[in-house]
């Protein structure tokens, strides 16, 4: 797996978990979880397509 795609996938997963935790319990900085998900998706998208089979 491409390193950038792995980081993007991990960041998206952590952001999603943080969002769910923010819905259940209010904590400072919970708005940054949306940013983490967006950055994670962007990193997956620019990672040469190896995560979804676009690269060789």
N, C-alpha and C. Protein backbone atom coordinates (compact mmCIF):
# COMPACT_ATOMS: atom_id res chain seq x y z
N UNK A 1 0.86 -1.18 0.00
CA UNK A 1 0.00 0.00 0.00
C UNK A 1 0.90 1.23 0.00
N UNK A 2 0.50 2.21 -0.75
CA UNK A 2 1.23 3.46 -0.81
C UNK A 2 1.18 4.15 0.55
N UNK A 3 2.29 4.75 0.94
CA UNK A 3 2.37 5.40 2.25
C UNK A 3 1.36 6.53 2.39
N UNK A 4 1.20 7.34 1.35
CA UNK A 4 0.25 8.46 1.41
C UNK A 4 -1.18 7.94 1.55
N UNK A 5 -1.49 6.88 0.82
CA UNK A 5 -2.84 6.30 0.91
C UNK A 5 -3.09 5.73 2.30
N UNK A 6 -2.08 5.11 2.89
CA UNK A 6 -2.23 4.57 4.25
C UNK A 6 -2.46 5.66 5.28
N UNK A 7 -1.72 6.74 5.15
CA UNK A 7 -1.91 7.87 6.07
C UNK A 7 -3.30 8.47 5.88
N UNK A 8 -3.73 8.59 4.64
CA UNK A 8 -5.06 9.14 4.36
C UNK A 8 -6.17 8.27 4.91
N UNK A 9 -6.00 6.97 4.75
CA UNK A 9 -7.00 6.04 5.27
C UNK A 9 -7.05 6.08 6.80
N UNK A 10 -5.89 6.11 7.43
CA UNK A 10 -5.84 6.18 8.90
C UNK A 10 -6.42 7.50 9.41
N UNK A 11 -6.09 8.60 8.74
CA UNK A 11 -6.60 9.90 9.16
C UNK A 11 -8.11 9.97 9.00
N UNK A 12 -8.64 9.40 7.92
CA UNK A 12 -10.09 9.38 7.73
C UNK A 12 -10.78 8.55 8.81
N UNK A 13 -10.19 7.39 9.13
CA UNK A 13 -10.79 6.53 10.15
C UNK A 13 -10.76 7.20 11.52
N UNK A 14 -9.63 7.80 11.88
CA UNK A 14 -9.55 8.48 13.17
C UNK A 14 -10.48 9.69 13.23
N UNK A 15 -10.59 10.40 12.12
CA UNK A 15 -11.52 11.53 12.07
C UNK A 15 -12.96 11.10 12.24
N UNK A 16 -13.32 9.98 11.61
CA UNK A 16 -14.70 9.47 11.74
C UNK A 16 -14.98 9.03 13.18
N UNK A 17 -14.01 8.35 13.79
CA UNK A 17 -14.19 7.96 15.20
C UNK A 17 -14.29 9.18 16.11
N UNK A 18 -13.46 10.18 15.84
CA UNK A 18 -13.53 11.42 16.62
C UNK A 18 -14.85 12.14 16.45
N UNK A 19 -15.40 12.07 15.24
CA UNK A 19 -16.70 12.70 15.00
C UNK A 19 -17.79 12.01 15.80
N UNK A 20 -17.79 10.68 15.79
CA UNK A 20 -18.79 9.92 16.56
C UNK A 20 -18.64 10.24 18.05
N UNK A 21 -17.41 10.30 18.53
CA UNK A 21 -17.20 10.64 19.93
C UNK A 21 -17.67 12.06 20.23
N UNK A 22 -17.49 12.97 19.28
CA UNK A 22 -17.94 14.34 19.45
C UNK A 22 -19.44 14.48 19.47
N UNK A 23 -20.14 13.58 18.77
CA UNK A 23 -21.60 13.60 18.80
C UNK A 23 -22.11 13.13 20.16
N UNK A 24 -21.42 12.14 20.72
CA UNK A 24 -21.85 11.59 22.00
C UNK A 24 -21.43 12.46 23.19
N UNK A 25 -20.19 12.98 23.14
CA UNK A 25 -19.64 13.78 24.25
C UNK A 25 -18.97 15.02 23.69
N UNK A 26 -19.33 16.16 24.24
CA UNK A 26 -18.71 17.40 23.81
C UNK A 26 -17.29 17.49 24.37
N UNK A 27 -16.34 17.78 23.49
CA UNK A 27 -14.96 17.99 23.93
C UNK A 27 -14.34 19.09 23.08
N UNK A 28 -13.35 19.80 23.63
CA UNK A 28 -12.72 20.89 22.87
C UNK A 28 -11.99 20.36 21.63
N UNK A 29 -12.13 21.05 20.54
CA UNK A 29 -11.43 20.67 19.32
C UNK A 29 -12.14 19.64 18.47
N UNK A 30 -13.37 19.33 18.78
CA UNK A 30 -14.07 18.27 18.03
C UNK A 30 -14.35 18.68 16.59
N UNK A 31 -14.34 19.97 16.30
CA UNK A 31 -14.57 20.42 14.92
C UNK A 31 -13.43 20.02 14.00
N UNK A 32 -12.26 19.76 14.54
CA UNK A 32 -11.12 19.36 13.72
C UNK A 32 -11.28 17.95 13.16
N UNK A 33 -12.23 17.19 13.66
CA UNK A 33 -12.44 15.84 13.13
C UNK A 33 -12.97 15.90 11.70
N UNK A 34 -13.77 16.91 11.38
CA UNK A 34 -14.26 17.07 10.01
C UNK A 34 -13.08 17.37 9.09
N UNK A 35 -12.16 18.22 9.56
CA UNK A 35 -10.97 18.54 8.78
C UNK A 35 -10.12 17.30 8.57
N UNK A 36 -9.99 16.47 9.60
CA UNK A 36 -9.19 15.24 9.48
C UNK A 36 -9.79 14.31 8.43
N UNK A 37 -11.10 14.19 8.39
CA UNK A 37 -11.75 13.34 7.40
C UNK A 37 -11.52 13.90 6.00
N UNK A 38 -11.66 15.21 5.82
CA UNK A 38 -11.48 15.81 4.50
C UNK A 38 -10.04 15.67 4.02
N UNK A 39 -9.08 15.89 4.89
CA UNK A 39 -7.67 15.74 4.51
C UNK A 39 -7.35 14.28 4.21
N UNK A 40 -7.90 13.37 4.99
CA UNK A 40 -7.68 11.95 4.75
C UNK A 40 -8.21 11.51 3.40
N UNK A 41 -9.40 11.95 3.05
CA UNK A 41 -9.97 11.61 1.74
C UNK A 41 -9.13 12.22 0.62
N UNK A 42 -8.66 13.43 0.82
CA UNK A 42 -7.82 14.07 -0.19
C UNK A 42 -6.52 13.31 -0.37
N UNK A 43 -5.89 12.88 0.71
CA UNK A 43 -4.65 12.12 0.60
C UNK A 43 -4.87 10.80 -0.12
N UNK A 44 -5.98 10.15 0.15
CA UNK A 44 -6.30 8.91 -0.58
C UNK A 44 -6.50 9.19 -2.07
N UNK A 45 -7.10 10.31 -2.39
CA UNK A 45 -7.39 10.64 -3.78
C UNK A 45 -6.12 10.97 -4.57
N UNK A 46 -5.12 11.55 -3.93
CA UNK A 46 -3.91 11.95 -4.66
C UNK A 46 -2.80 10.92 -4.57
N UNK A 47 -3.07 9.74 -4.06
CA UNK A 47 -2.04 8.75 -3.81
C UNK A 47 -1.78 7.83 -5.00
N UNK A 48 -1.85 8.33 -6.20
CA UNK A 48 -1.55 7.61 -7.43
C UNK A 48 -2.50 6.46 -7.71
N UNK A 49 -3.62 6.36 -7.01
CA UNK A 49 -4.64 5.37 -7.30
C UNK A 49 -4.29 3.95 -6.91
N UNK A 50 -3.22 3.72 -6.19
CA UNK A 50 -2.82 2.37 -5.84
C UNK A 50 -3.78 1.71 -4.85
N UNK A 51 -4.46 2.51 -4.04
CA UNK A 51 -5.36 1.95 -3.05
C UNK A 51 -6.58 1.31 -3.71
N UNK A 52 -7.01 1.85 -4.83
CA UNK A 52 -8.20 1.33 -5.50
C UNK A 52 -7.88 0.58 -6.78
N UNK A 53 -6.62 0.29 -7.02
CA UNK A 53 -6.25 -0.52 -8.17
C UNK A 53 -5.96 0.25 -9.43
N UNK A 54 -5.79 1.55 -9.36
CA UNK A 54 -5.51 2.35 -10.55
C UNK A 54 -4.07 2.28 -11.00
N UNK A 55 -3.14 2.00 -10.09
CA UNK A 55 -1.72 1.91 -10.44
C UNK A 55 -1.31 0.48 -10.74
N UNK A 56 -0.10 0.33 -11.24
CA UNK A 56 0.37 -1.03 -11.55
C UNK A 56 1.45 -1.46 -10.64
